[in-house]
Amino acid sequence: MHMAYRAVDDQMSHQRTMLPVPYGRDQYETWVKIEKAIGTFDRHFNRVEKFEARKFSDPDNHDRREKRMTQRKQERWIENYTYFFGGMTEEEQ
């Protein structure tokens, strides 16, 4: 058991002395784009969760909202030419 603690301590001491690795501008820009995409996804996810939560908190108006949402979705399908990547549907994206 003492040897296991010593091995873990040795591994941790190597990690503590490592200096940060420099990275280029393209990697930095890629990480910024990733963070923005995650933020966009989070906003969409929160909107969907809020909509679904209204089903329980405000059931009287939920049917009206859902009907309006379905109608707008149908209009988008008919009036627009939408590209879906990766073989996904609108809900999956």
PDB file of N, CA and C in Angstrom:
ATOM      1  N   MET A   1       0.836  -1.185   0.000  1.00  0.00           N
ATOM      2  CA  MET A   1       0.000   0.000   0.000  1.00  0.00           C
ATOM      3  C   MET A   1       0.884   1.252   0.000  1.00  0.00           C
ATOM      4  N   HIS A   2       1.964   1.178   0.769  1.00  0.00           N
ATOM      5  CA  HIS A   2       2.883   2.313   0.807  1.00  0.00           C
ATOM      6  C   HIS A   2       3.511   2.554  -0.566  1.00  0.00           C
ATOM      7  N   MET A   3       3.827   1.487  -1.272  1.00  0.00           N
ATOM      8  CA  MET A   3       4.403   1.627  -2.619  1.00  0.00           C
ATOM      9  C   MET A   3       3.393   2.231  -3.586  1.00  0.00           C
ATOM     10  N   ALA A   4       2.126   1.893  -3.416  1.00  0.00           N
ATOM     11  CA  ALA A   4       1.091   2.471  -4.283  1.00  0.00           C
ATOM     12  C   ALA A   4       0.977   3.970  -4.038  1.00  0.00           C
ATOM     13  N   TYR A   5       1.000   4.382  -2.766  1.00  0.00           N
ATOM     14  CA  TYR A   5       0.973   5.816  -2.468  1.00  0.00           C
ATOM     15  C   TYR A   5       2.183   6.529  -3.055  1.00  0.00           C
ATOM     16  N   ARG A   6       3.357   5.886  -2.948  1.00  0.00           N
ATOM     17  CA  ARG A   6       4.573   6.482  -3.492  1.00  0.00           C
ATOM     18  C   ARG A   6       4.490   6.620  -5.023  1.00  0.00           C
ATOM     19  N   ALA A   7       3.938   5.587  -5.697  1.00  0.00           N
ATOM     20  CA  ALA A   7       3.803   5.639  -7.154  1.00  0.00           C
ATOM     21  C   ALA A   7       2.859   6.759  -7.572  1.00  0.00           C
ATOM     22  N   VAL A   8       1.767   6.904  -6.868  1.00  0.00           N
ATOM     23  CA  VAL A   8       0.815   7.978  -7.186  1.00  0.00           C
ATOM     24  C   VAL A   8       1.450   9.337  -6.927  1.00  0.00           C
ATOM     25  N   ASP A   9       2.187   9.456  -5.828  1.00  0.00           N
ATOM     26  CA  ASP A   9       2.854  10.716  -5.510  1.00  0.00           C
ATOM     27  C   ASP A   9       3.892  11.067  -6.567  1.00  0.00           C
ATOM     28  N   ASP A  10       4.636  10.066  -7.039  1.00  0.00           N
ATOM     29  CA  ASP A  10       5.619  10.319  -8.104  1.00  0.00           C
ATOM     30  C   ASP A  10       4.938  10.794  -9.379  1.00  0.00           C
ATOM     31  N   GLN A  11       3.817  10.192  -9.729  1.00  0.00           N
ATOM     32  CA  GLN A  11       3.091  10.604 -10.931  1.00  0.00           C
ATOM     33  C   GLN A  11       2.567  12.028 -10.781  1.00  0.00           C
ATOM     34  N   MET A  12       2.073  12.356  -9.619  1.00  0.00           N
ATOM     35  CA  MET A  12       1.543  13.702  -9.399  1.00  0.00           C
ATOM     36  C   MET A  12       2.667  14.739  -9.413  1.00  0.00           C
ATOM     37  N   SER A  13       3.841  14.387  -8.910  1.00  0.00           N
ATOM     38  CA  SER A  13       4.936  15.361  -8.898  1.00  0.00           C
ATOM     39  C   SER A  13       5.387  15.676 -10.322  1.00  0.00           C
ATOM     40  N   HIS A  14       5.307  14.713 -11.239  1.00  0.00           N
ATOM     41  CA  HIS A  14       5.674  14.971 -12.631  1.00  0.00           C
ATOM     42  C   HIS A  14       4.662  15.909 -13.283  1.00  0.00           C
ATOM     43  N   GLN A  15       3.404  15.763 -12.946  1.00  0.00           N
ATOM     44  CA  GLN A  15       2.377  16.617 -13.531  1.00  0.00           C
ATOM     45  C   GLN A  15       2.473  18.036 -13.003  1.00  0.00           C
ATOM     46  N   ARG A  16       2.871  18.209 -11.777  1.00  0.00           N
ATOM     47  CA  ARG A  16       2.950  19.541 -11.196  1.00  0.00           C
ATOM     48  C   ARG A  16       4.077  20.363 -11.786  1.00  0.00           C
ATOM     49  N   THR A  17       5.142  19.714 -12.261  1.00  0.00           N
ATOM     50  CA  THR A  17       6.290  20.455 -12.775  1.00  0.00           C
ATOM     51  C   THR A  17       6.201  20.718 -14.266  1.00  0.00           C
ATOM     52  N   MET A  18       5.195  20.183 -14.936  1.00  0.00           N
ATOM     53  CA  MET A  18       5.081  20.390 -16.382  1.00  0.00           C
ATOM     54  C   MET A  18       4.680  21.829 -16.674  1.00  0.00           C
ATOM     55  N   LEU A  19       5.345  22.404 -17.638  1.00  0.00           N
ATOM     56  CA  LEU A  19       5.019  23.755 -18.063  1.00  0.00           C
ATOM     57  C   LEU A  19       3.925  23.705 -19.109  1.00  0.00           C
ATOM     58  N   PRO A  20       3.153  24.775 -19.236  1.00  0.00           N
ATOM     59  CA  PRO A  20       2.114  24.780 -20.267  1.00  0.00           C
ATOM     60  C   PRO A  20       2.726  24.684 -21.660  1.00  0.00           C
ATOM     61  N   VAL A  21       2.053  23.969 -22.512  1.00  0.00           N
ATOM     62  CA  VAL A  21       2.527  23.781 -23.876  1.00  0.00           C
ATOM     63  C   VAL A  21       2.019  24.935 -24.727  1.00  0.00           C
ATOM     64  N   PRO A  22       2.902  25.608 -25.442  1.00  0.00           N
ATOM     65  CA  PRO A  22       2.422  26.698 -26.302  1.00  0.00           C
ATOM     66  C   PRO A  22       1.618  26.138 -27.484  1.00  0.00           C
ATOM     67  N   TYR A  23       0.627  26.887 -27.889  1.00  0.00           N
ATOM     68  CA  TYR A  23      -0.167  26.468 -29.039  1.00  0.00           C
ATOM     69  C   TYR A  23      -0.367  27.663 -29.950  1.00  0.00           C
ATOM     70  N   GLY A  24      -0.665  27.365 -31.201  1.00  0.00           N
ATOM     71  CA  GLY A  24      -0.750  28.398 -32.226  1.00  0.00           C
ATOM     72  C   GLY A  24      -2.077  29.110 -32.251  1.00  0.00           C
ATOM     73  N   ARG A  25      -2.091  30.126 -33.079  1.00  0.00           N
ATOM     74  CA  ARG A  25      -3.295  30.939 -33.215  1.00  0.00           C
ATOM     75  C   ARG A  25      -4.470  30.136 -33.766  1.00  0.00           C
ATOM     76  N   ASP A  26      -4.195  29.237 -34.715  1.00  0.00           N
ATOM     77  CA  ASP A  26      -5.273  28.445 -35.300  1.00  0.00           C
ATOM     78  C   ASP A  26      -5.929  27.546 -34.263  1.00  0.00           C
ATOM     79  N   GLN A  27      -5.145  26.975 -33.360  1.00  0.00           N
ATOM     80  CA  GLN A  27      -5.731  26.168 -32.291  1.00  0.00           C
ATOM     81  C   GLN A  27      -6.575  27.023 -31.348  1.00  0.00           C
ATOM     82  N   TYR A  28      -6.063  28.217 -31.043  1.00  0.00           N
ATOM     83  CA  TYR A  28      -6.826  29.118 -30.173  1.00  0.00           C
ATOM     84  C   TYR A  28      -8.160  29.500 -30.813  1.00  0.00           C
ATOM     85  N   GLU A  29      -8.110  29.845 -32.091  1.00  0.00           N
ATOM     86  CA  GLU A  29      -9.343  30.219 -32.794  1.00  0.00           C
ATOM     87  C   GLU A  29     -10.309  29.045 -32.856  1.00  0.00           C
ATOM     88  N   THR A  30      -9.775  27.846 -33.026  1.00  0.00           N
ATOM     89  CA  THR A  30     -10.633  26.665 -33.049  1.00  0.00           C
ATOM     90  C   THR A  30     -11.326  26.482 -31.702  1.00  0.00           C
ATOM     91  N   TRP A  31     -10.593  26.656 -30.602  1.00  0.00           N
ATOM     92  CA  TRP A  31     -11.200  26.526 -29.282  1.00  0.00           C
ATOM     93  C   TRP A  31     -12.243  27.604 -29.042  1.00  0.00           C
ATOM     94  N   VAL A  32     -12.002  28.816 -29.542  1.00  0.00           N
ATOM     95  CA  VAL A  32     -12.996  29.883 -29.398  1.00  0.00           C
ATOM     96  C   VAL A  32     -14.267  29.513 -30.156  1.00  0.00           C
ATOM     97  N   LYS A  33     -14.106  28.983 -31.371  1.00  0.00           N
ATOM     98  CA  LYS A  33     -15.272  28.562 -32.156  1.00  0.00           C
ATOM     99  C   LYS A  33     -16.033  27.442 -31.456  1.00  0.00           C
ATOM    100  N   ILE A  34     -15.287  26.522 -30.857  1.00  0.00           N
ATOM    101  CA  ILE A  34     -15.934  25.421 -30.130  1.00  0.00           C
ATOM    102  C   ILE A  34     -16.728  25.963 -28.952  1.00  0.00           C
ATOM    103  N   GLU A  35     -16.149  26.888 -28.211  1.00  0.00           N
ATOM    104  CA  GLU A  35     -16.850  27.473 -27.065  1.00  0.00           C
ATOM    105  C   GLU A  35     -18.110  28.213 -27.512  1.00  0.00           C
ATOM    106  N   LYS A  36     -18.036  28.926 -28.633  1.00  0.00           N
ATOM    107  CA  LYS A  36     -19.225  29.614 -29.154  1.00  0.00           C
ATOM    108  C   LYS A  36     -20.296  28.618 -29.559  1.00  0.00           C
ATOM    109  N   ALA A  37     -19.886  27.519 -30.205  1.00  0.00           N
ATOM    110  CA  ALA A  37     -20.853  26.502 -30.626  1.00  0.00           C
ATOM    111  C   ALA A  37     -21.517  25.862 -29.410  1.00  0.00           C
ATOM    112  N   ILE A  38     -20.742  25.611 -28.362  1.00  0.00           N
ATOM    113  CA  ILE A  38     -21.312  25.039 -27.140  1.00  0.00           C
ATOM    114  C   ILE A  38     -22.315  26.012 -26.523  1.00  0.00           C
ATOM    115  N   GLY A  39     -21.977  27.308 -26.530  1.00  0.00           N
ATOM    116  CA  GLY A  39     -22.907  28.310 -26.007  1.00  0.00           C
ATOM    117  C   GLY A  39     -24.206  28.355 -26.792  1.00  0.00           C
ATOM    118  N   THR A  40     -24.099  28.250 -28.125  1.00  0.00           N
ATOM    119  CA  THR A  40     -25.294  28.237 -28.974  1.00  0.00           C
ATOM    120  C   THR A  40     -26.139  27.006 -28.670  1.00  0.00           C
ATOM    121  N   PHE A  41     -25.478  25.861 -28.557  1.00  0.00           N
ATOM    122  CA  PHE A  41     -26.196  24.634 -28.243  1.00  0.00           C
ATOM    123  C   PHE A  41     -26.889  24.746 -26.890  1.00  0.00           C
ATOM    124  N   ASP A  42     -26.202  25.309 -25.919  1.00  0.00           N
ATOM    125  CA  ASP A  42     -26.796  25.472 -24.591  1.00  0.00           C
ATOM    126  C   ASP A  42     -28.037  26.361 -24.634  1.00  0.00           C
ATOM    127  N   ARG A  43     -27.971  27.445 -25.410  1.00  0.00           N
ATOM    128  CA  ARG A  43     -29.146  28.323 -25.521  1.00  0.00           C
ATOM    129  C   ARG A  43     -30.328  27.576 -26.137  1.00  0.00           C
ATOM    130  N   HIS A  44     -30.079  26.816 -27.207  1.00  0.00           N
ATOM    131  CA  HIS A  44     -31.162  26.059 -27.837  1.00  0.00           C
ATOM    132  C   HIS A  44     -31.713  25.002 -26.886  1.00  0.00           C
ATOM    133  N   PHE A  45     -30.818  24.314 -26.201  1.00  0.00           N
ATOM    134  CA  PHE A  45     -31.242  23.284 -25.251  1.00  0.00           C
ATOM    135  C   PHE A  45     -32.095  23.893 -24.147  1.00  0.00           C
ATOM    136  N   ASN A  46     -31.673  25.043 -23.632  1.00  0.00           N
ATOM    137  CA  ASN A  46     -32.444  25.700 -22.573  1.00  0.00           C
ATOM    138  C   ASN A  46     -33.819  26.136 -23.059  1.00  0.00           C
ATOM    139  N   ARG A  47     -33.899  26.601 -24.312  1.00  0.00           N
ATOM    140  CA  ARG A  47     -35.205  26.992 -24.862  1.00  0.00           C
ATOM    141  C   ARG A  47     -36.135  25.793 -24.955  1.00  0.00           C
ATOM    142  N   VAL A  48     -35.599  24.653 -25.406  1.00  0.00           N
ATOM    143  CA  VAL A  48     -36.418  23.444 -25.511  1.00  0.00           C
ATOM    144  C   VAL A  48     -36.862  22.975 -24.132  1.00  0.00           C
ATOM    145  N   GLU A  49     -35.935  23.005 -23.183  1.00  0.00           N
ATOM    146  CA  GLU A  49     -36.283  22.595 -21.825  1.00  0.00           C
ATOM    147  C   GLU A  49     -37.343  23.519 -21.229  1.00  0.00           C
ATOM    148  N   LYS A  50     -37.232  24.803 -21.490  1.00  0.00           N
ATOM    149  CA  LYS A  50     -38.215  25.760 -20.982  1.00  0.00           C
ATOM    150  C   LYS A  50     -39.590  25.483 -21.595  1.00  0.00           C
ATOM    151  N   PHE A  51     -39.591  25.196 -22.904  1.00  0.00           N
ATOM    152  CA  PHE A  51     -40.848  24.892 -23.580  1.00  0.00           C
ATOM    153  C   PHE A  51     -41.478  23.629 -22.995  1.00  0.00           C
ATOM    154  N   GLU A  52     -40.666  22.596 -22.800  1.00  0.00           N
ATOM    155  CA  GLU A  52     -41.191  21.346 -22.257  1.00  0.00           C
ATOM    156  C   GLU A  52     -41.664  21.515 -20.813  1.00  0.00           C
ATOM    157  N   ALA A  53     -41.009  22.372 -20.050  1.00  0.00           N
ATOM    158  CA  ALA A  53     -41.413  22.593 -18.662  1.00  0.00           C
ATOM    159  C   ALA A  53     -42.757  23.305 -18.582  1.00  0.00           C
ATOM    160  N   ARG A  54     -43.069  24.106 -19.594  1.00  0.00           N
ATOM    161  CA  ARG A  54     -44.365  24.808 -19.595  1.00  0.00           C
ATOM    162  C   ARG A  54     -45.532  23.845 -19.700  1.00  0.00           C
ATOM    163  N   LYS A  55     -45.260  22.667 -20.226  1.00  0.00           N
ATOM    164  CA  LYS A  55     -46.324  21.672 -20.327  1.00  0.00           C
ATOM    165  C   LYS A  55     -46.910  21.378 -18.947  1.00  0.00           C
ATOM    166  N   PHE A  56     -46.071  21.423 -17.930  1.00  0.00           N
ATOM    167  CA  PHE A  56     -46.528  21.122 -16.575  1.00  0.00           C
ATOM    168  C   PHE A  56     -46.909  22.379 -15.802  1.00  0.00           C
ATOM    169  N   SER A  57     -46.196  23.483 -16.042  1.00  0.00           N
ATOM    170  CA  SER A  57     -46.465  24.692 -15.271  1.00  0.00           C
ATOM    171  C   SER A  57     -47.638  25.498 -15.829  1.00  0.00           C
ATOM    172  N   ASP A  58     -47.862  25.418 -17.154  1.00  0.00           N
ATOM    173  CA  ASP A  58     -48.948  26.185 -17.771  1.00  0.00           C
ATOM    174  C   ASP A  58     -49.632  25.319 -18.828  1.00  0.00           C
ATOM    175  N   PRO A  59     -50.335  24.269 -18.405  1.00  0.00           N
ATOM    176  CA  PRO A  59     -50.913  23.335 -19.383  1.00  0.00           C
ATOM    177  C   PRO A  59     -51.996  23.946 -20.258  1.00  0.00           C
ATOM    178  N   ASP A  60     -52.655  25.015 -19.779  1.00  0.00           N
ATOM    179  CA  ASP A  60     -53.731  25.622 -20.575  1.00  0.00           C
ATOM    180  C   ASP A  60     -53.192  26.246 -21.847  1.00  0.00           C
ATOM    181  N   ASN A  61     -52.057  26.915 -21.763  1.00  0.00           N
ATOM    182  CA  ASN A  61     -51.490  27.581 -22.930  1.00  0.00           C
ATOM    183  C   ASN A  61     -50.500  26.714 -23.689  1.00  0.00           C
ATOM    184  N   HIS A  62     -50.129  25.585 -23.141  1.00  0.00           N
ATOM    185  CA  HIS A  62     -49.120  24.752 -23.798  1.00  0.00           C
ATOM    186  C   HIS A  62     -49.623  24.219 -25.138  1.00  0.00           C
ATOM    187  N   ASP A  63     -50.867  23.798 -25.191  1.00  0.00           N
ATOM    188  CA  ASP A  63     -51.408  23.269 -26.440  1.00  0.00           C
ATOM    189  C   ASP A  63     -51.387  24.334 -27.533  1.00  0.00           C
ATOM    190  N   ARG A  64     -51.725  25.563 -27.153  1.00  0.00           N
ATOM    191  CA  ARG A  64     -51.699  26.660 -28.122  1.00  0.00           C
ATOM    192  C   ARG A  64     -50.280  26.897 -28.634  1.00  0.00           C
ATOM    193  N   ARG A  65     -49.319  26.903 -27.721  1.00  0.00           N
ATOM    194  CA  ARG A  65     -47.920  27.112 -28.109  1.00  0.00           C
ATOM    195  C   ARG A  65     -47.412  25.978 -28.990  1.00  0.00           C
ATOM    196  N   GLU A  66     -47.771  24.761 -28.612  1.00  0.00           N
ATOM    197  CA  GLU A  66     -47.303  23.613 -29.392  1.00  0.00           C
ATOM    198  C   GLU A  66     -47.907  23.615 -30.791  1.00  0.00           C
ATOM    199  N   LYS A  67     -49.176  24.003 -30.899  1.00  0.00           N
ATOM    200  CA  LYS A  67     -49.816  24.074 -32.209  1.00  0.00           C
ATOM    201  C   LYS A  67     -49.144  25.142 -33.069  1.00  0.00           C
ATOM    202  N   ARG A  68     -48.831  26.295 -32.468  1.00  0.00           N
ATOM    203  CA  ARG A  68     -48.149  27.363 -33.199  1.00  0.00           C
ATOM    204  C   ARG A  68     -46.747  26.920 -33.631  1.00  0.00           C
ATOM    205  N   MET A  69     -46.047  26.218 -32.754  1.00  0.00           N
ATOM    206  CA  MET A  69     -44.724  25.737 -33.091  1.00  0.00           C
ATOM    207  C   MET A  69     -44.785  24.729 -34.245  1.00  0.00           C
ATOM    208  N   THR A  70     -45.754  23.828 -34.196  1.00  0.00           N
ATOM    209  CA  THR A  70     -45.910  22.840 -35.261  1.00  0.00           C
ATOM    210  C   THR A  70     -46.271  23.499 -36.583  1.00  0.00           C
ATOM    211  N   GLN A  71     -47.106  24.526 -36.520  1.00  0.00           N
ATOM    212  CA  GLN A  71     -47.489  25.251 -37.728  1.00  0.00           C
ATOM    213  C   GLN A  71     -46.274  25.942 -38.346  1.00  0.00           C
ATOM    214  N   ARG A  72     -45.458  26.594 -37.540  1.00  0.00           N
ATOM    215  CA  ARG A  72     -44.259  27.263 -38.050  1.00  0.00           C
ATOM    216  C   ARG A  72     -43.261  26.257 -38.621  1.00  0.00           C
ATOM    217  N   LYS A  73     -43.168  25.105 -37.975  1.00  0.00           N
ATOM    218  CA  LYS A  73     -42.284  24.060 -38.485  1.00  0.00           C
ATOM    219  C   LYS A  73     -42.758  23.601 -39.857  1.00  0.00           C
ATOM    220  N   GLN A  74     -44.069  23.427 -40.000  1.00  0.00           N
ATOM    221  CA  GLN A  74     -44.628  23.007 -41.286  1.00  0.00           C
ATOM    222  C   GLN A  74     -44.376  24.064 -42.367  1.00  0.00           C
ATOM    223  N   GLU A  75     -44.488  25.332 -42.002  1.00  0.00           N
ATOM    224  CA  GLU A  75     -44.197  26.405 -42.958  1.00  0.00           C
ATOM    225  C   GLU A  75     -42.741  26.380 -43.387  1.00  0.00           C
ATOM    226  N   ARG A  76     -41.841  26.126 -42.439  1.00  0.00           N
ATOM    227  CA  ARG A  76     -40.427  26.035 -42.793  1.00  0.00           C
ATOM    228  C   ARG A  76     -40.174  24.879 -43.739  1.00  0.00           C
ATOM    229  N   TRP A  77     -40.870  23.779 -43.529  1.00  0.00           N
ATOM    230  CA  TRP A  77     -40.672  22.615 -44.389  1.00  0.00           C
ATOM    231  C   TRP A  77     -41.198  22.880 -45.792  1.00  0.00           C
ATOM    232  N   ILE A  78     -42.280  23.640 -45.914  1.00  0.00           N
ATOM    233  CA  ILE A  78     -42.901  23.862 -47.217  1.00  0.00           C
ATOM    234  C   ILE A  78     -42.248  25.026 -47.956  1.00  0.00           C
ATOM    235  N   GLU A  79     -42.036  26.146 -47.271  1.00  0.00           N
ATOM    236  CA  GLU A  79     -41.585  27.363 -47.941  1.00  0.00           C
ATOM    237  C   GLU A  79     -40.071  27.456 -48.100  1.00  0.00           C
ATOM    238  N   ASN A  80     -39.326  26.752 -47.296  1.00  0.00           N
ATOM    239  CA  ASN A  80     -37.868  26.852 -47.339  1.00  0.00           C
ATOM    240  C   ASN A  80     -37.262  25.551 -47.833  1.00  0.00           C
ATOM    241  N   TYR A  81     -36.053  25.690 -48.303  1.00  0.00           N
ATOM    242  CA  TYR A  81     -35.282  24.505 -48.661  1.00  0.00           C
ATOM    243  C   TYR A  81     -34.184  24.376 -47.615  1.00  0.00           C
ATOM    244  N   THR A  82     -34.361  23.470 -46.679  1.00  0.00           N
ATOM    245  CA  THR A  82     -33.465  23.353 -45.537  1.00  0.00           C
ATOM    246  C   THR A  82     -32.515  22.187 -45.737  1.00  0.00           C
ATOM    247  N   TYR A  83     -31.257  22.421 -45.427  1.00  0.00           N
ATOM    248  CA  TYR A  83     -30.248  21.366 -45.486  1.00  0.00           C
ATOM    249  C   TYR A  83     -30.055  20.792 -44.085  1.00  0.00           C
ATOM    250  N   PHE A  84     -30.107  19.481 -43.973  1.00  0.00           N
ATOM    251  CA  PHE A  84     -29.837  18.803 -42.720  1.00  0.00           C
ATOM    252  C   PHE A  84     -28.615  17.930 -42.925  1.00  0.00           C
ATOM    253  N   PHE A  85     -27.626  18.103 -42.078  1.00  0.00           N
ATOM    254  CA  PHE A  85     -26.378  17.396 -42.224  1.00  0.00           C
ATOM    255  C   PHE A  85     -26.371  16.122 -41.404  1.00  0.00           C
ATOM    256  N   GLY A  86     -25.650  15.145 -41.883  1.00  0.00           N
ATOM    257  CA  GLY A  86     -25.471  13.902 -41.125  1.00  0.00           C
ATOM    258  C   GLY A  86     -26.705  13.017 -41.106  1.00  0.00           C
ATOM    259  N   GLY A  87     -27.640  13.237 -42.013  1.00  0.00           N
ATOM    260  CA  GLY A  87     -28.839  12.421 -42.033  1.00  0.00           C
ATOM    261  C   GLY A  87     -29.761  12.659 -40.857  1.00  0.00           C
ATOM    262  N   MET A  88     -29.680  13.854 -40.237  1.00  0.00           N
ATOM    263  CA  MET A  88     -30.513  14.157 -39.071  1.00  0.00           C
ATOM    264  C   MET A  88     -31.779  14.899 -39.477  1.00  0.00           C
ATOM    265  N   THR A  89     -32.773  14.826 -38.624  1.00  0.00           N
ATOM    266  CA  THR A  89     -33.996  15.576 -38.834  1.00  0.00           C
ATOM    267  C   THR A  89     -33.868  16.930 -38.112  1.00  0.00           C
ATOM    268  N   GLU A  90     -34.901  17.747 -38.251  1.00  0.00           N
ATOM    269  CA  GLU A  90     -34.881  19.060 -37.598  1.00  0.00           C
ATOM    270  C   GLU A  90     -34.824  18.920 -36.071  1.00  0.00           C
ATOM    271  N   GLU A  91     -35.573  17.968 -35.534  1.00  0.00           N
ATOM    272  CA  GLU A  91     -35.578  17.790 -34.080  1.00  0.00           C
ATOM    273  C   GLU A  91     -34.222  17.321 -33.578  1.00  0.00           C
ATOM    274  N   GLU A  92     -33.568  16.444 -34.334  1.00  0.00           N
ATOM    275  CA  GLU A  92     -32.274  15.937 -33.897  1.00  0.00           C
ATOM    276  C   GLU A  92     -31.202  17.021 -33.918  1.00  0.00           C
ATOM    277  N   GLN A  93     -31.306  17.926 -34.896  1.00  0.00           N
ATOM    278  CA  GLN A  93     -30.311  18.986 -34.948  1.00  0.00           C
ATOM    279  C   GLN A  93     -30.580  19.997 -33.872  1.00  0.00           C
TER     280      GLN A  93
END
